[in-house]
Amino acid sequence: VQLEESGGGLVQAGGSLRLSCAASGSTGNINVMGWYRQAPGKQRELVASINSTNTRYKNSVKGRFTISRDNAKNTMYLQMNNLKPEDTAVYYCNAVVPYGLASLLPYWGQGTQVTVSS
């Protein structure tokens, strides 16, 4: 599975951005997809995830971010509204594929920078 993010950029606080993650390869085996972010000096954290039945969000982005997935286009999105300076980070696309009997194999995109100015 190959993942490619796009849509990052510089935006003022209160603005919006939409990130896209295009998946290619053995996409039919993908179990769950998600968006992670990593700010300078901090650990990578899960922002939102989506599978066939539900979505989950980090508490601080609930009500502001929306994750979605277009299976026909093999693309996942993250609509980010009311952005705050603390949302500034490199955002990474993640896909998890079952491997063997009980293992999960993660795949990562190269990341896209989101910068929110105050």
C-alpha atoms as a PDB file:
ATOM      1  CA  VAL A   1       0.000   0.000   0.000  1.00  0.00           C
ATOM      2  CA  GLN A   2       1.274   3.450  -0.927  1.00  0.00           C
ATOM      3  CA  LEU A   3      -0.143   6.605   0.622  1.00  0.00           C
ATOM      4  CA  GLU A   4       0.238  10.179  -0.590  1.00  0.00           C
ATOM      5  CA  GLU A   5      -1.033  13.195   1.326  1.00  0.00           C
ATOM      6  CA  SER A   6      -1.880  16.599  -0.077  1.00  0.00           C
ATOM      7  CA  GLY A   7      -3.686  19.740   0.990  1.00  0.00           C
ATOM      8  CA  GLY A   8      -1.503  21.120   3.741  1.00  0.00           C
ATOM      9  CA  GLY A   9      -0.475  24.741   3.911  1.00  0.00           C
ATOM     10  CA  LEU A  10      -0.476  27.981   5.868  1.00  0.00           C
ATOM     11  CA  VAL A  11      -3.770  29.336   7.180  1.00  0.00           C
ATOM     12  CA  GLN A  12      -4.842  31.909   9.741  1.00  0.00           C
ATOM     13  CA  ALA A  13      -6.529  30.896  12.960  1.00  0.00           C
ATOM     14  CA  GLY A  14     -10.205  30.234  12.353  1.00  0.00           C
ATOM     15  CA  GLY A  15      -9.571  29.147   8.788  1.00  0.00           C
ATOM     16  CA  SER A  16     -10.077  25.788   7.092  1.00  0.00           C
ATOM     17  CA  LEU A  17      -8.051  23.226   5.199  1.00  0.00           C
ATOM     18  CA  ARG A  18      -8.884  19.865   3.664  1.00  0.00           C
ATOM     19  CA  LEU A  19      -6.260  17.155   3.614  1.00  0.00           C
ATOM     20  CA  SER A  20      -6.419  14.278   1.159  1.00  0.00           C
ATOM     21  CA  CYS A  21      -4.733  10.890   1.275  1.00  0.00           C
ATOM     22  CA  ALA A  22      -4.663   8.891  -1.945  1.00  0.00           C
ATOM     23  CA  ALA A  23      -4.046   5.183  -1.486  1.00  0.00           C
ATOM     24  CA  SER A  24      -2.714   2.829  -4.146  1.00  0.00           C
ATOM     25  CA  GLY A  25      -1.641  -0.786  -4.290  1.00  0.00           C
ATOM     26  CA  SER A  26      -3.483  -3.459  -2.300  1.00  0.00           C
ATOM     27  CA  THR A  27      -6.102  -1.056  -0.978  1.00  0.00           C
ATOM     28  CA  GLY A  28      -8.780  -3.747  -0.730  1.00  0.00           C
ATOM     29  CA  ASN A  29      -7.049  -5.177   2.326  1.00  0.00           C
ATOM     30  CA  ILE A  30      -7.040  -1.934   4.308  1.00  0.00           C
ATOM     31  CA  ASN A  31      -8.763  -2.386   7.659  1.00  0.00           C
ATOM     32  CA  VAL A  32      -8.718   1.105   9.134  1.00  0.00           C
ATOM     33  CA  MET A  33      -7.291   4.444   8.046  1.00  0.00           C
ATOM     34  CA  GLY A  34      -6.387   7.439  10.111  1.00  0.00           C
ATOM     35  CA  TRP A  35      -4.737  10.817  10.367  1.00  0.00           C
ATOM     36  CA  TYR A  36      -1.899  11.392  12.796  1.00  0.00           C
ATOM     37  CA  ARG A  37       0.050  14.556  13.499  1.00  0.00           C
ATOM     38  CA  GLN A  38       3.393  15.414  14.992  1.00  0.00           C
ATOM     39  CA  ALA A  39       4.332  18.862  16.260  1.00  0.00           C
ATOM     40  CA  PRO A  40       7.981  19.850  16.833  1.00  0.00           C
ATOM     41  CA  GLY A  41       9.304  18.262  19.999  1.00  0.00           C
ATOM     42  CA  LYS A  42       6.186  16.185  20.539  1.00  0.00           C
ATOM     43  CA  GLN A  43       5.191  12.606  19.916  1.00  0.00           C
ATOM     44  CA  ARG A  44       3.050  11.608  16.984  1.00  0.00           C
ATOM     45  CA  GLU A  45      -0.614  11.457  18.000  1.00  0.00           C
ATOM     46  CA  LEU A  46      -3.795  10.108  16.495  1.00  0.00           C
ATOM     47  CA  VAL A  47      -6.151  12.821  15.295  1.00  0.00           C
ATOM     48  CA  ALA A  48      -8.942  10.793  13.714  1.00  0.00           C
ATOM     49  CA  SER A  49      -9.599   7.309  12.374  1.00  0.00           C
ATOM     50  CA  ILE A  50     -12.209   5.658  10.193  1.00  0.00           C
ATOM     51  CA  ASN A  51     -13.199   2.087   9.438  1.00  0.00           C
ATOM     52  CA  SER A  52     -16.219   0.484   7.811  1.00  0.00           C
ATOM     53  CA  THR A  53     -18.501   1.179  10.769  1.00  0.00           C
ATOM     54  CA  ASN A  54     -17.388   4.243  12.691  1.00  0.00           C
ATOM     55  CA  THR A  55     -15.125   7.222  13.136  1.00  0.00           C
ATOM     56  CA  ARG A  56     -13.122   8.390  16.119  1.00  0.00           C
ATOM     57  CA  TYR A  57     -11.581  11.734  17.000  1.00  0.00           C
ATOM     58  CA  LYS A  58      -9.095  13.174  19.407  1.00  0.00           C
ATOM     59  CA  ASN A  59     -11.070  15.201  21.953  1.00  0.00           C
ATOM     60  CA  SER A  60      -9.450  18.500  21.037  1.00  0.00           C
ATOM     61  CA  VAL A  61     -10.596  18.274  17.387  1.00  0.00           C
ATOM     62  CA  LYS A  62     -14.142  17.011  17.948  1.00  0.00           C
ATOM     63  CA  GLY A  63     -16.649  19.321  16.322  1.00  0.00           C
ATOM     64  CA  ARG A  64     -13.951  20.967  14.201  1.00  0.00           C
ATOM     65  CA  PHE A  65     -12.465  18.120  12.125  1.00  0.00           C
ATOM     66  CA  THR A  66     -14.303  15.583   9.991  1.00  0.00           C
ATOM     67  CA  ILE A  67     -12.742  12.417   8.611  1.00  0.00           C
ATOM     68  CA  SER A  68     -14.237  10.713   5.574  1.00  0.00           C
ATOM     69  CA  ARG A  69     -13.326   8.107   3.017  1.00  0.00           C
ATOM     70  CA  ASP A  70     -14.291   7.672  -0.629  1.00  0.00           C
ATOM     71  CA  ASN A  71     -13.708   4.000  -1.351  1.00  0.00           C
ATOM     72  CA  ALA A  72     -14.398   4.420  -5.072  1.00  0.00           C
ATOM     73  CA  LYS A  73     -11.496   6.880  -5.282  1.00  0.00           C
ATOM     74  CA  ASN A  74      -9.330   5.116  -2.679  1.00  0.00           C
ATOM     75  CA  THR A  75      -9.013   8.455  -0.947  1.00  0.00           C
ATOM     76  CA  MET A  76      -9.397   9.589   2.636  1.00  0.00           C
ATOM     77  CA  TYR A  77     -10.035  13.175   3.676  1.00  0.00           C
ATOM     78  CA  LEU A  78      -9.707  15.320   6.755  1.00  0.00           C
ATOM     79  CA  GLN A  79     -11.783  18.485   6.707  1.00  0.00           C
ATOM     80  CA  MET A  80     -10.353  20.850   9.295  1.00  0.00           C
ATOM     81  CA  ASN A  81     -12.408  23.879  10.310  1.00  0.00           C
ATOM     82  CA  ASN A  82     -11.845  26.581  12.920  1.00  0.00           C
ATOM     83  CA  LEU A  83      -8.155  25.805  12.944  1.00  0.00           C
ATOM     84  CA  LYS A  84      -6.100  26.854  15.944  1.00  0.00           C
ATOM     85  CA  PRO A  85      -2.357  27.528  16.279  1.00  0.00           C
ATOM     86  CA  GLU A  86      -2.056  24.366  18.373  1.00  0.00           C
ATOM     87  CA  ASP A  87      -3.152  22.366  15.310  1.00  0.00           C
ATOM     88  CA  THR A  88       0.166  23.230  13.680  1.00  0.00           C
ATOM     89  CA  ALA A  89       1.992  19.999  12.878  1.00  0.00           C
ATOM     90  CA  VAL A  90       3.006  17.598  10.152  1.00  0.00           C
ATOM     91  CA  TYR A  91      -0.035  15.486   9.366  1.00  0.00           C
ATOM     92  CA  TYR A  92       0.456  11.870   8.345  1.00  0.00           C
ATOM     93  CA  CYS A  93      -1.914   9.479   6.635  1.00  0.00           C
ATOM     94  CA  ASN A  94      -1.994   5.955   8.054  1.00  0.00           C
ATOM     95  CA  ALA A  95      -3.490   2.695   6.814  1.00  0.00           C
ATOM     96  CA  VAL A  96      -3.565  -0.617   8.671  1.00  0.00           C
ATOM     97  CA  VAL A  97      -3.637  -3.940   6.851  1.00  0.00           C
ATOM     98  CA  PRO A  98      -4.162  -7.363   8.456  1.00  0.00           C
ATOM     99  CA  TYR A  99      -1.044  -9.529   8.184  1.00  0.00           C
ATOM    100  CA  GLY A 100      -0.975 -13.227   8.915  1.00  0.00           C
ATOM    101  CA  LEU A 101      -3.361 -14.621  11.501  1.00  0.00           C
ATOM    102  CA  ALA A 102      -3.261 -11.925  14.139  1.00  0.00           C
ATOM    103  CA  SER A 103      -0.968  -9.117  13.095  1.00  0.00           C
ATOM    104  CA  LEU A 104      -1.568  -5.652  11.716  1.00  0.00           C
ATOM    105  CA  LEU A 105       0.824  -3.896   9.355  1.00  0.00           C
ATOM    106  CA  PRO A 106       0.850  -0.086   9.320  1.00  0.00           C
ATOM    107  CA  TYR A 107       1.611   2.017   6.277  1.00  0.00           C
ATOM    108  CA  TRP A 108       2.464   5.737   6.347  1.00  0.00           C
ATOM    109  CA  GLY A 109       2.450   8.631   3.950  1.00  0.00           C
ATOM    110  CA  GLN A 110       5.282  11.133   3.768  1.00  0.00           C
ATOM    111  CA  GLY A 111       3.388  13.810   5.691  1.00  0.00           C
ATOM    112  CA  THR A 112       2.050  17.246   4.868  1.00  0.00           C
ATOM    113  CA  GLN A 113       2.743  20.418   6.848  1.00  0.00           C
ATOM    114  CA  VAL A 114      -0.143  22.357   8.368  1.00  0.00           C
ATOM    115  CA  THR A 115       0.726  25.737   9.862  1.00  0.00           C
ATOM    116  CA  VAL A 116      -1.873  27.871  11.624  1.00  0.00           C
ATOM    117  CA  SER A 117      -0.905  31.452  12.372  1.00  0.00           C
ATOM    118  CA  SER A 118      -2.418  33.435  15.208  1.00  0.00           C
END
